[in-house]
Amino acid sequence: QMKRQGKFNQELSATEVIQNCKLTNNARNTLDLAVIRY
C-alpha cells in the first residue's frame, strides 16, 4: 500500500480509489449486483 499510493487503502479518496483499485469485469459485475441487491 505504501509503495503503491503512500497511504493505507482505507485513507484513499474517491479519486484515489479509481486510480489504485482497478476491477476486473467479473469483479465489477459482482459489485454491481451487490449494490442493487442490498
PDB file of all heavy atoms in Angstrom:
ATOM      1  N   GLN A   1       0.831  -1.205   0.000  1.00  0.00           N
ATOM      2  CA  GLN A   1       0.000   0.000   0.000  1.00  0.00           C
ATOM      3  C   GLN A   1       0.866   1.255   0.000  1.00  0.00           C
ATOM      4  O   GLN A   1       0.596   2.204  -0.746  1.00  0.00           O
ATOM      5  CB  GLN A   1      -0.949  -0.017   1.201  1.00  0.00           C
ATOM      6  CG  GLN A   1      -1.998  -1.091   1.109  1.00  0.00           C
ATOM      7  CD  GLN A   1      -2.788  -1.273   2.386  1.00  0.00           C
ATOM      8  OE1 GLN A   1      -2.925  -0.363   3.190  1.00  0.00           O
ATOM      9  NE2 GLN A   1      -3.330  -2.472   2.573  1.00  0.00           N
ATOM     10  N   MET A   2       1.897   1.272   0.815  1.00  0.00           N
ATOM     11  CA  MET A   2       2.767   2.439   0.896  1.00  0.00           C
ATOM     12  C   MET A   2       3.526   2.645  -0.417  1.00  0.00           C
ATOM     13  O   MET A   2       3.684   3.779  -0.881  1.00  0.00           O
ATOM     14  CB  MET A   2       3.745   2.321   2.066  1.00  0.00           C
ATOM     15  CG  MET A   2       3.088   2.369   3.422  1.00  0.00           C
ATOM     16  SD  MET A   2       2.127   3.865   3.662  1.00  0.00           S
ATOM     17  CE  MET A   2       0.749   3.232   4.569  1.00  0.00           C
ATOM     18  N   LYS A   3       3.963   1.557  -1.020  1.00  0.00           N
ATOM     19  CA  LYS A   3       4.690   1.650  -2.287  1.00  0.00           C
ATOM     20  C   LYS A   3       3.756   2.130  -3.407  1.00  0.00           C
ATOM     21  O   LYS A   3       4.138   2.971  -4.223  1.00  0.00           O
ATOM     22  CB  LYS A   3       5.275   0.286  -2.650  1.00  0.00           C
ATOM     23  CG  LYS A   3       6.059   0.258  -3.940  1.00  0.00           C
ATOM     24  CD  LYS A   3       6.615  -1.128  -4.205  1.00  0.00           C
ATOM     25  CE  LYS A   3       7.313  -1.174  -5.549  1.00  0.00           C
ATOM     26  NZ  LYS A   3       7.764  -2.534  -5.881  1.00  0.00           N
ATOM     27  N   ARG A   4       2.544   1.619  -3.421  1.00  0.00           N
ATOM     28  CA  ARG A   4       1.595   1.941  -4.485  1.00  0.00           C
ATOM     29  C   ARG A   4       1.036   3.366  -4.369  1.00  0.00           C
ATOM     30  O   ARG A   4       0.960   4.095  -5.336  1.00  0.00           O
ATOM     31  CB  ARG A   4       0.456   0.916  -4.492  1.00  0.00           C
ATOM     32  CG  ARG A   4      -0.576   1.123  -5.574  1.00  0.00           C
ATOM     33  CD  ARG A   4      -1.664   0.052  -5.617  1.00  0.00           C
ATOM     34  NE  ARG A   4      -2.314  -0.121  -4.341  1.00  0.00           N
ATOM     35  CZ  ARG A   4      -2.242  -1.216  -3.593  1.00  0.00           C
ATOM     36  NH1 ARG A   4      -1.543  -2.266  -4.001  1.00  0.00           N
ATOM     37  NH2 ARG A   4      -2.860  -1.298  -2.434  1.00  0.00           N
ATOM     38  N   GLN A   5       0.622   3.755  -3.138  1.00  0.00           N
ATOM     39  CA  GLN A   5      -0.111   5.018  -3.016  1.00  0.00           C
ATOM     40  C   GLN A   5       0.333   5.890  -1.855  1.00  0.00           C
ATOM     41  O   GLN A   5      -0.190   6.981  -1.661  1.00  0.00           O
ATOM     42  CB  GLN A   5      -1.614   4.725  -2.896  1.00  0.00           C
ATOM     43  CG  GLN A   5      -1.997   4.012  -1.632  1.00  0.00           C
ATOM     44  CD  GLN A   5      -2.817   2.745  -1.837  1.00  0.00           C
ATOM     45  OE1 GLN A   5      -3.035   2.300  -2.950  1.00  0.00           O
ATOM     46  NE2 GLN A   5      -3.268   2.170  -0.754  1.00  0.00           N
ATOM     47  N   GLY A   6       1.271   5.417  -1.034  1.00  0.00           N
ATOM     48  CA  GLY A   6       1.783   6.236   0.064  1.00  0.00           C
ATOM     49  C   GLY A   6       0.859   6.368   1.257  1.00  0.00           C
ATOM     50  O   GLY A   6       1.081   7.219   2.113  1.00  0.00           O
ATOM     51  N   LYS A   7      -0.178   5.561   1.329  1.00  0.00           N
ATOM     52  CA  LYS A   7      -1.121   5.586   2.451  1.00  0.00           C
ATOM     53  C   LYS A   7      -1.896   4.278   2.484  1.00  0.00           C
ATOM     54  O   LYS A   7      -1.853   3.494   1.538  1.00  0.00           O
ATOM     55  CB  LYS A   7      -2.067   6.770   2.363  1.00  0.00           C
ATOM     56  CG  LYS A   7      -2.906   6.808   1.099  1.00  0.00           C
ATOM     57  CD  LYS A   7      -3.944   7.914   1.098  1.00  0.00           C
ATOM     58  CE  LYS A   7      -3.381   9.196   0.569  1.00  0.00           C
ATOM     59  NZ  LYS A   7      -4.396  10.240   0.392  1.00  0.00           N
ATOM     60  N   PHE A   8      -2.609   4.073   3.591  1.00  0.00           N
ATOM     61  CA  PHE A   8      -3.435   2.877   3.723  1.00  0.00           C
ATOM     62  C   PHE A   8      -4.619   2.939   2.763  1.00  0.00           C
ATOM     63  O   PHE A   8      -5.106   4.030   2.428  1.00  0.00           O
ATOM     64  CB  PHE A   8      -3.965   2.720   5.156  1.00  0.00           C
ATOM     65  CG  PHE A   8      -2.891   2.496   6.179  1.00  0.00           C
ATOM     66  CD1 PHE A   8      -2.673   3.432   7.168  1.00  0.00           C
ATOM     67  CD2 PHE A   8      -2.105   1.359   6.151  1.00  0.00           C
ATOM     68  CE1 PHE A   8      -1.688   3.239   8.122  1.00  0.00           C
ATOM     69  CE2 PHE A   8      -1.117   1.153   7.089  1.00  0.00           C
ATOM     70  CZ  PHE A   8      -0.916   2.096   8.088  1.00  0.00           C
ATOM     71  N   ASN A   9      -5.116   1.780   2.345  1.00  0.00           N
ATOM     72  CA  ASN A   9      -6.256   1.732   1.437  1.00  0.00           C
ATOM     73  C   ASN A   9      -7.466   2.476   2.004  1.00  0.00           C
ATOM     74  O   ASN A   9      -8.190   3.141   1.266  1.00  0.00           O
ATOM     75  CB  ASN A   9      -6.646   0.281   1.130  1.00  0.00           C
ATOM     76  CG  ASN A   9      -5.581  -0.439   0.334  1.00  0.00           C
ATOM     77  OD1 ASN A   9      -4.798   0.171  -0.381  1.00  0.00           O
ATOM     78  ND2 ASN A   9      -5.535  -1.754   0.463  1.00  0.00           N
ATOM     79  N   GLN A  10      -7.706   2.361   3.298  1.00  0.00           N
ATOM     80  CA  GLN A  10      -8.868   2.994   3.917  1.00  0.00           C
ATOM     81  C   GLN A  10      -8.808   4.524   3.823  1.00  0.00           C
ATOM     82  O   GLN A  10      -9.826   5.186   3.888  1.00  0.00           O
ATOM     83  CB  GLN A  10      -8.999   2.553   5.381  1.00  0.00           C
ATOM     84  CG  GLN A  10     -10.281   2.988   6.044  1.00  0.00           C
ATOM     85  CD  GLN A  10     -11.530   2.466   5.338  1.00  0.00           C
ATOM     86  OE1 GLN A  10     -11.554   1.366   4.809  1.00  0.00           O
ATOM     87  NE2 GLN A  10     -12.577   3.261   5.335  1.00  0.00           N
ATOM     88  N   GLU A  11      -7.623   5.065   3.632  1.00  0.00           N
ATOM     89  CA  GLU A  11      -7.450   6.519   3.566  1.00  0.00           C
ATOM     90  C   GLU A  11      -7.599   7.080   2.152  1.00  0.00           C
ATOM     91  O   GLU A  11      -7.516   8.287   1.956  1.00  0.00           O
ATOM     92  CB  GLU A  11      -6.074   6.894   4.113  1.00  0.00           C
ATOM     93  CG  GLU A  11      -5.886   6.520   5.568  1.00  0.00           C
ATOM     94  CD  GLU A  11      -4.453   6.684   6.046  1.00  0.00           C
ATOM     95  OE1 GLU A  11      -3.523   6.712   5.201  1.00  0.00           O
ATOM     96  OE2 GLU A  11      -4.256   6.775   7.259  1.00  0.00           O
ATOM     97  N   LEU A  12      -7.838   6.217   1.172  1.00  0.00           N
ATOM     98  CA  LEU A  12      -7.932   6.667  -0.208  1.00  0.00           C
ATOM     99  C   LEU A  12      -9.193   7.495  -0.439  1.00  0.00           C
ATOM    100  O   LEU A  12     -10.279   7.132  -0.003  1.00  0.00           O
ATOM    101  CB  LEU A  12      -7.956   5.465  -1.164  1.00  0.00           C
ATOM    102  CG  LEU A  12      -6.700   4.605  -1.230  1.00  0.00           C
ATOM    103  CD1 LEU A  12      -6.938   3.385  -2.100  1.00  0.00           C
ATOM    104  CD2 LEU A  12      -5.516   5.404  -1.728  1.00  0.00           C
ATOM    105  N   SER A  13      -9.040   8.603  -1.149  1.00  0.00           N
ATOM    106  CA  SER A  13     -10.197   9.413  -1.549  1.00  0.00           C
ATOM    107  C   SER A  13     -10.914   8.698  -2.693  1.00  0.00           C
ATOM    108  O   SER A  13     -10.403   7.712  -3.248  1.00  0.00           O
ATOM    109  CB  SER A  13      -9.727  10.791  -2.018  1.00  0.00           C
ATOM    110  OG  SER A  13      -9.011  10.662  -3.243  1.00  0.00           O
ATOM    111  N   ALA A  14     -12.063   9.214  -3.088  1.00  0.00           N
ATOM    112  CA  ALA A  14     -12.819   8.606  -4.184  1.00  0.00           C
ATOM    113  C   ALA A  14     -11.992   8.578  -5.473  1.00  0.00           C
ATOM    114  O   ALA A  14     -11.981   7.578  -6.194  1.00  0.00           O
ATOM    115  CB  ALA A  14     -14.126   9.360  -4.399  1.00  0.00           C
ATOM    116  N   THR A  15     -11.280   9.657  -5.749  1.00  0.00           N
ATOM    117  CA  THR A  15     -10.428   9.713  -6.940  1.00  0.00           C
ATOM    118  C   THR A  15      -9.301   8.691  -6.847  1.00  0.00           C
ATOM    119  O   THR A  15      -8.985   8.016  -7.829  1.00  0.00           O
ATOM    120  CB  THR A  15      -9.836  11.126  -7.112  1.00  0.00           C
ATOM    121  OG1 THR A  15     -10.915  12.060  -7.180  1.00  0.00           O
ATOM    122  CG2 THR A  15      -8.990  11.229  -8.361  1.00  0.00           C
ATOM    123  N   GLU A  16      -8.704   8.577  -5.675  1.00  0.00           N
ATOM    124  CA  GLU A  16      -7.606   7.622  -5.480  1.00  0.00           C
ATOM    125  C   GLU A  16      -8.099   6.181  -5.557  1.00  0.00           C
ATOM    126  O   GLU A  16      -7.363   5.303  -6.003  1.00  0.00           O
ATOM    127  CB  GLU A  16      -6.916   7.886  -4.145  1.00  0.00           C
ATOM    128  CG  GLU A  16      -6.153   9.192  -4.126  1.00  0.00           C
ATOM    129  CD  GLU A  16      -5.684   9.590  -2.742  1.00  0.00           C
ATOM    130  OE1 GLU A  16      -6.387   9.294  -1.737  1.00  0.00           O
ATOM    131  OE2 GLU A  16      -4.620  10.223  -2.652  1.00  0.00           O
ATOM    132  N   VAL A  17      -9.336   5.929  -5.163  1.00  0.00           N
ATOM    133  CA  VAL A  17      -9.903   4.582  -5.289  1.00  0.00           C
ATOM    134  C   VAL A  17      -9.951   4.209  -6.767  1.00  0.00           C
ATOM    135  O   VAL A  17      -9.559   3.108  -7.156  1.00  0.00           O
ATOM    136  CB  VAL A  17     -11.314   4.494  -4.651  1.00  0.00           C
ATOM    137  CG1 VAL A  17     -12.018   3.212  -5.060  1.00  0.00           C
ATOM    138  CG2 VAL A  17     -11.220   4.573  -3.139  1.00  0.00           C
ATOM    139  N   ILE A  18     -10.398   5.137  -7.596  1.00  0.00           N
ATOM    140  CA  ILE A  18     -10.471   4.885  -9.041  1.00  0.00           C
ATOM    141  C   ILE A  18      -9.079   4.618  -9.612  1.00  0.00           C
ATOM    142  O   ILE A  18      -8.887   3.720 -10.425  1.00  0.00           O
ATOM    143  CB  ILE A  18     -11.152   6.070  -9.764  1.00  0.00           C
ATOM    144  CG1 ILE A  18     -12.618   6.157  -9.344  1.00  0.00           C
ATOM    145  CG2 ILE A  18     -11.027   5.936 -11.281  1.00  0.00           C
ATOM    146  CD1 ILE A  18     -13.306   7.445  -9.737  1.00  0.00           C
ATOM    147  N   GLN A  19      -8.071   5.360  -9.158  1.00  0.00           N
ATOM    148  CA  GLN A  19      -6.708   5.225  -9.672  1.00  0.00           C
ATOM    149  C   GLN A  19      -6.032   3.936  -9.201  1.00  0.00           C
ATOM    150  O   GLN A  19      -5.291   3.319  -9.956  1.00  0.00           O
ATOM    151  CB  GLN A  19      -5.855   6.411  -9.226  1.00  0.00           C
ATOM    152  CG  GLN A  19      -6.258   7.728  -9.827  1.00  0.00           C
ATOM    153  CD  GLN A  19      -5.546   8.904  -9.169  1.00  0.00           C
ATOM    154  OE1 GLN A  19      -4.932   8.773  -8.115  1.00  0.00           O
ATOM    155  NE2 GLN A  19      -5.646  10.066  -9.800  1.00  0.00           N
ATOM    156  N   ASN A  20      -6.252   3.551  -7.934  1.00  0.00           N
ATOM    157  CA  ASN A  20      -5.481   2.467  -7.328  1.00  0.00           C
ATOM    158  C   ASN A  20      -6.229   1.151  -7.167  1.00  0.00           C
ATOM    159  O   ASN A  20      -5.625   0.162  -6.754  1.00  0.00           O
ATOM    160  CB  ASN A  20      -4.980   2.910  -5.949  1.00  0.00           C
ATOM    161  CG  ASN A  20      -4.003   4.052  -6.047  1.00  0.00           C
ATOM    162  OD1 ASN A  20      -2.933   3.915  -6.602  1.00  0.00           O
ATOM    163  ND2 ASN A  20      -4.398   5.203  -5.535  1.00  0.00           N
ATOM    164  N   CYS A  21      -7.504   1.137  -7.474  1.00  0.00           N
ATOM    165  CA  CYS A  21      -8.318  -0.065  -7.244  1.00  0.00           C
ATOM    166  C   CYS A  21      -9.023  -0.478  -8.524  1.00  0.00           C
ATOM    167  O   CYS A  21     -10.251  -0.413  -8.630  1.00  0.00           O
ATOM    168  CB  CYS A  21      -9.321   0.186  -6.127  1.00  0.00           C
ATOM    169  SG  CYS A  21      -8.582   0.691  -4.563  1.00  0.00           S
ATOM    170  N   LYS A  22      -8.257  -0.903  -9.498  1.00  0.00           N
ATOM    171  CA  LYS A  22      -8.826  -1.353 -10.775  1.00  0.00           C
ATOM    172  C   LYS A  22      -9.529  -2.692 -10.562  1.00  0.00           C
ATOM    173  O   LYS A  22      -9.021  -3.570  -9.865  1.00  0.00           O
ATOM    174  CB  LYS A  22      -7.732  -1.519 -11.825  1.00  0.00           C
ATOM    175  CG  LYS A  22      -6.882  -0.291 -12.045  1.00  0.00           C
ATOM    176  CD  LYS A  22      -7.640   0.795 -12.750  1.00  0.00           C
ATOM    177  CE  LYS A  22      -6.711   1.957 -13.058  1.00  0.00           C
ATOM    178  NZ  LYS A  22      -7.365   3.213 -13.098  1.00  0.00           N
ATOM    179  N   LEU A  23     -10.706  -2.827 -11.186  1.00  0.00           N
ATOM    180  CA  LEU A  23     -11.503  -4.048 -11.055  1.00  0.00           C
ATOM    181  C   LEU A  23     -11.553  -4.796 -12.378  1.00  0.00           C
ATOM    182  O   LEU A  23     -11.660  -4.175 -13.440  1.00  0.00           O
ATOM    183  CB  LEU A  23     -12.941  -3.708 -10.642  1.00  0.00           C
ATOM    184  CG  LEU A  23     -13.159  -2.842  -9.405  1.00  0.00           C
ATOM    185  CD1 LEU A  23     -14.650  -2.587  -9.204  1.00  0.00           C
ATOM    186  CD2 LEU A  23     -12.574  -3.498  -8.180  1.00  0.00           C
ATOM    187  N   THR A  24     -11.518  -6.128 -12.308  1.00  0.00           N
ATOM    188  CA  THR A  24     -11.783  -6.918 -13.499  1.00  0.00           C
ATOM    189  C   THR A  24     -13.267  -6.776 -13.820  1.00  0.00           C
ATOM    190  O   THR A  24     -14.060  -6.332 -12.968  1.00  0.00           O
ATOM    191  CB  THR A  24     -11.444  -8.404 -13.286  1.00  0.00           C
ATOM    192  OG1 THR A  24     -12.323  -8.936 -12.277  1.00  0.00           O
ATOM    193  CG2 THR A  24      -9.981  -8.609 -12.903  1.00  0.00           C
ATOM    194  N   ASN A  25     -13.662  -7.146 -15.027  1.00  0.00           N
ATOM    195  CA  ASN A  25     -15.083  -7.072 -15.396  1.00  0.00           C
ATOM    196  C   ASN A  25     -15.941  -7.930 -14.473  1.00  0.00           C
ATOM    197  O   ASN A  25     -17.033  -7.516 -14.077  1.00  0.00           O
ATOM    198  CB  ASN A  25     -15.280  -7.490 -16.853  1.00  0.00           C
ATOM    199  CG  ASN A  25     -14.740  -6.456 -17.826  1.00  0.00           C
ATOM    200  OD1 ASN A  25     -14.627  -5.274 -17.490  1.00  0.00           O
ATOM    201  ND2 ASN A  25     -14.399  -6.894 -19.021  1.00  0.00           N
ATOM    202  N   ASN A  26     -15.452  -9.131 -14.129  1.00  0.00           N
ATOM    203  CA  ASN A  26     -16.212 -10.007 -13.234  1.00  0.00           C
ATOM    204  C   ASN A  26     -16.365  -9.396 -11.838  1.00  0.00           C
ATOM    205  O   ASN A  26     -17.426  -9.496 -11.226  1.00  0.00           O
ATOM    206  CB  ASN A  26     -15.556 -11.388 -13.130  1.00  0.00           C
ATOM    207  CG  ASN A  26     -15.745 -12.205 -14.389  1.00  0.00           C
ATOM    208  OD1 ASN A  26     -16.636 -11.935 -15.192  1.00  0.00           O
ATOM    209  ND2 ASN A  26     -14.894 -13.198 -14.568  1.00  0.00           N
ATOM    210  N   ALA A  27     -15.310  -8.768 -11.337  1.00  0.00           N
ATOM    211  CA  ALA A  27     -15.382  -8.114 -10.023  1.00  0.00           C
ATOM    212  C   ALA A  27     -16.372  -6.954 -10.058  1.00  0.00           C
ATOM    213  O   ALA A  27     -17.161  -6.770  -9.133  1.00  0.00           O
ATOM    214  CB  ALA A  27     -14.000  -7.636  -9.589  1.00  0.00           C
ATOM    215  N   ARG A  28     -16.336  -6.168 -11.129  1.00  0.00           N
ATOM    216  CA  ARG A  28     -17.268  -5.040 -11.268  1.00  0.00           C
ATOM    217  C   ARG A  28     -18.709  -5.531 -11.309  1.00  0.00           C
ATOM    218  O   ARG A  28     -19.589  -4.966 -10.674  1.00  0.00           O
ATOM    219  CB  ARG A  28     -16.921  -4.270 -12.550  1.00  0.00           C
ATOM    220  CG  ARG A  28     -17.816  -3.078 -12.818  1.00  0.00           C
ATOM    221  CD  ARG A  28     -17.380  -1.893 -11.995  1.00  0.00           C
ATOM    222  NE  ARG A  28     -18.370  -1.616 -10.989  1.00  0.00           N
ATOM    223  CZ  ARG A  28     -18.257  -0.696 -10.057  1.00  0.00           C
ATOM    224  NH1 ARG A  28     -17.181   0.048  -9.970  1.00  0.00           N
ATOM    225  NH2 ARG A  28     -19.180  -0.500  -9.175  1.00  0.00           N
ATOM    226  N   ASN A  29     -18.957  -6.608 -12.081  1.00  0.00           N
ATOM    227  CA  ASN A  29     -20.303  -7.169 -12.173  1.00  0.00           C
ATOM    228  C   ASN A  29     -20.779  -7.674 -10.817  1.00  0.00           C
ATOM    229  O   ASN A  29     -21.933  -7.478 -10.441  1.00  0.00           O
ATOM    230  CB  ASN A  29     -20.357  -8.294 -13.202  1.00  0.00           C
ATOM    231  CG  ASN A  29     -20.174  -7.792 -14.613  1.00  0.00           C
ATOM    232  OD1 ASN A  29     -20.390  -6.615 -14.910  1.00  0.00           O
ATOM    233  ND2 ASN A  29     -19.759  -8.677 -15.505  1.00  0.00           N
ATOM    234  N   THR A  30     -19.890  -8.332 -10.072  1.00  0.00           N
ATOM    235  CA  THR A  30     -20.238  -8.845  -8.742  1.00  0.00           C
ATOM    236  C   THR A  30     -20.594  -7.696  -7.813  1.00  0.00           C
ATOM    237  O   THR A  30     -21.585  -7.763  -7.081  1.00  0.00           O
ATOM    238  CB  THR A  30     -19.057  -9.657  -8.165  1.00  0.00           C
ATOM    239  OG1 THR A  30     -18.800 -10.762  -9.027  1.00  0.00           O
ATOM    240  CG2 THR A  30     -19.350 -10.163  -6.772  1.00  0.00           C
ATOM    241  N   LEU A  31     -19.800  -6.632  -7.846  1.00  0.00           N
ATOM    242  CA  LEU A  31     -20.079  -5.472  -7.005  1.00  0.00           C
ATOM    243  C   LEU A  31     -21.385  -4.797  -7.418  1.00  0.00           C
ATOM    244  O   LEU A  31     -22.204  -4.436  -6.567  1.00  0.00           O
ATOM    245  CB  LEU A  31     -18.925  -4.473  -7.066  1.00  0.00           C
ATOM    246  CG  LEU A  31     -19.101  -3.189  -6.251  1.00  0.00           C
ATOM    247  CD1 LEU A  31     -19.318  -3.503  -4.769  1.00  0.00           C
ATOM    248  CD2 LEU A  31     -17.894  -2.285  -6.435  1.00  0.00           C
ATOM    249  N   ASP A  32     -21.610  -4.637  -8.720  1.00  0.00           N
ATOM    250  CA  ASP A  32     -22.848  -4.014  -9.196  1.00  0.00           C
ATOM    251  C   ASP A  32     -24.076  -4.792  -8.734  1.00  0.00           C
ATOM    252  O   ASP A  32     -25.084  -4.198  -8.331  1.00  0.00           O
ATOM    253  CB  ASP A  32     -22.845  -3.893 -10.722  1.00  0.00           C
ATOM    254  CG  ASP A  32     -21.861  -2.845 -11.231  1.00  0.00           C
ATOM    255  OD1 ASP A  32     -21.401  -2.016 -10.421  1.00  0.00           O
ATOM    256  OD2 ASP A  32     -21.547  -2.875 -12.438  1.00  0.00           O
ATOM    257  N   LEU A  33     -23.997  -6.116  -8.778  1.00  0.00           N
ATOM    258  CA  LEU A  33     -25.114  -6.940  -8.308  1.00  0.00           C
ATOM    259  C   LEU A  33     -25.354  -6.747  -6.813  1.00  0.00           C
ATOM    260  O   LEU A  33     -26.498  -6.675  -6.368  1.00  0.00           O
ATOM    261  CB  LEU A  33     -24.852  -8.421  -8.615  1.00  0.00           C
ATOM    262  CG  LEU A  33     -24.971  -8.829 -10.086  1.00  0.00           C
ATOM    263  CD1 LEU A  33     -24.500 -10.269 -10.278  1.00  0.00           C
ATOM    264  CD2 LEU A  33     -26.390  -8.647 -10.588  1.00  0.00           C
ATOM    265  N   ALA A  34     -24.276  -6.649  -6.042  1.00  0.00           N
ATOM    266  CA  ALA A  34     -24.406  -6.431  -4.588  1.00  0.00           C
ATOM    267  C   ALA A  34     -25.013  -5.066  -4.300  1.00  0.00           C
ATOM    268  O   ALA A  34     -25.859  -4.933  -3.405  1.00  0.00           O
ATOM    269  CB  ALA A  34     -23.044  -6.571  -3.900  1.00  0.00           C
ATOM    270  N   VAL A  35     -24.610  -4.057  -5.057  1.00  0.00           N
ATOM    271  CA  VAL A  35     -25.146  -2.709  -4.871  1.00  0.00           C
ATOM    272  C   VAL A  35     -26.657  -2.711  -5.108  1.00  0.00           C
ATOM    273  O   VAL A  35     -27.429  -2.150  -4.322  1.00  0.00           O
ATOM    274  CB  VAL A  35     -24.447  -1.689  -5.809  1.00  0.00           C
ATOM    275  CG1 VAL A  35     -25.188  -0.378  -5.868  1.00  0.00           C
ATOM    276  CG2 VAL A  35     -23.006  -1.475  -5.357  1.00  0.00           C
ATOM    277  N   ILE A  36     -27.075  -3.375  -6.167  1.00  0.00           N
ATOM    278  CA  ILE A  36     -28.509  -3.454  -6.488  1.00  0.00           C
ATOM    279  C   ILE A  36     -29.247  -4.306  -5.455  1.00  0.00           C
ATOM    280  O   ILE A  36     -30.279  -3.894  -4.922  1.00  0.00           O
ATOM    281  CB  ILE A  36     -28.710  -4.023  -7.907  1.00  0.00           C
ATOM    282  CG1 ILE A  36     -28.195  -3.016  -8.947  1.00  0.00           C
ATOM    283  CG2 ILE A  36     -30.183  -4.352  -8.156  1.00  0.00           C
ATOM    284  CD1 ILE A  36     -28.045  -3.591 -10.335  1.00  0.00           C
ATOM    285  N   ARG A  37     -28.698  -5.473  -5.152  1.00  0.00           N
ATOM    286  CA  ARG A  37     -29.370  -6.422  -4.250  1.00  0.00           C
ATOM    287  C   ARG A  37     -29.558  -5.848  -2.846  1.00  0.00           C
ATOM    288  O   ARG A  37     -30.597  -6.013  -2.231  1.00  0.00           O
ATOM    289  CB  ARG A  37     -28.570  -7.714  -4.172  1.00  0.00           C
ATOM    290  CG  ARG A  37     -29.206  -8.767  -3.305  1.00  0.00           C
ATOM    291  CD  ARG A  37     -28.424 -10.050  -3.345  1.00  0.00           C
ATOM    292  NE  ARG A  37     -29.084 -11.068  -2.549  1.00  0.00           N
ATOM    293  CZ  ARG A  37     -28.578 -12.244  -2.290  1.00  0.00           C
ATOM    294  NH1 ARG A  37     -27.399 -12.573  -2.769  1.00  0.00           N
ATOM    295  NH2 ARG A  37     -29.223 -13.110  -1.557  1.00  0.00           N
ATOM    296  N   TYR A  38     -28.534  -5.171  -2.330  1.00  0.00           N
ATOM    297  CA  TYR A  38     -28.574  -4.698  -0.951  1.00  0.00           C
ATOM    298  C   TYR A  38     -28.842  -3.198  -0.839  1.00  0.00           C
ATOM    299  O   TYR A  38     -28.860  -2.664   0.256  1.00  0.00           O
ATOM    300  CB  TYR A  38     -27.269  -5.047  -0.234  1.00  0.00           C
ATOM    301  CG  TYR A  38     -26.957  -6.526  -0.291  1.00  0.00           C
ATOM    302  CD1 TYR A  38     -25.782  -6.976  -0.865  1.00  0.00           C
ATOM    303  CD2 TYR A  38     -27.855  -7.468   0.202  1.00  0.00           C
ATOM    304  CE1 TYR A  38     -25.498  -8.333  -0.931  1.00  0.00           C
ATOM    305  CE2 TYR A  38     -27.572  -8.815   0.128  1.00  0.00           C
ATOM    306  CZ  TYR A  38     -26.394  -9.241  -0.440  1.00  0.00           C
ATOM    307  OH  TYR A  38     -26.126 -10.581  -0.511  1.00  0.00           O
TER     308      TYR A  38
END
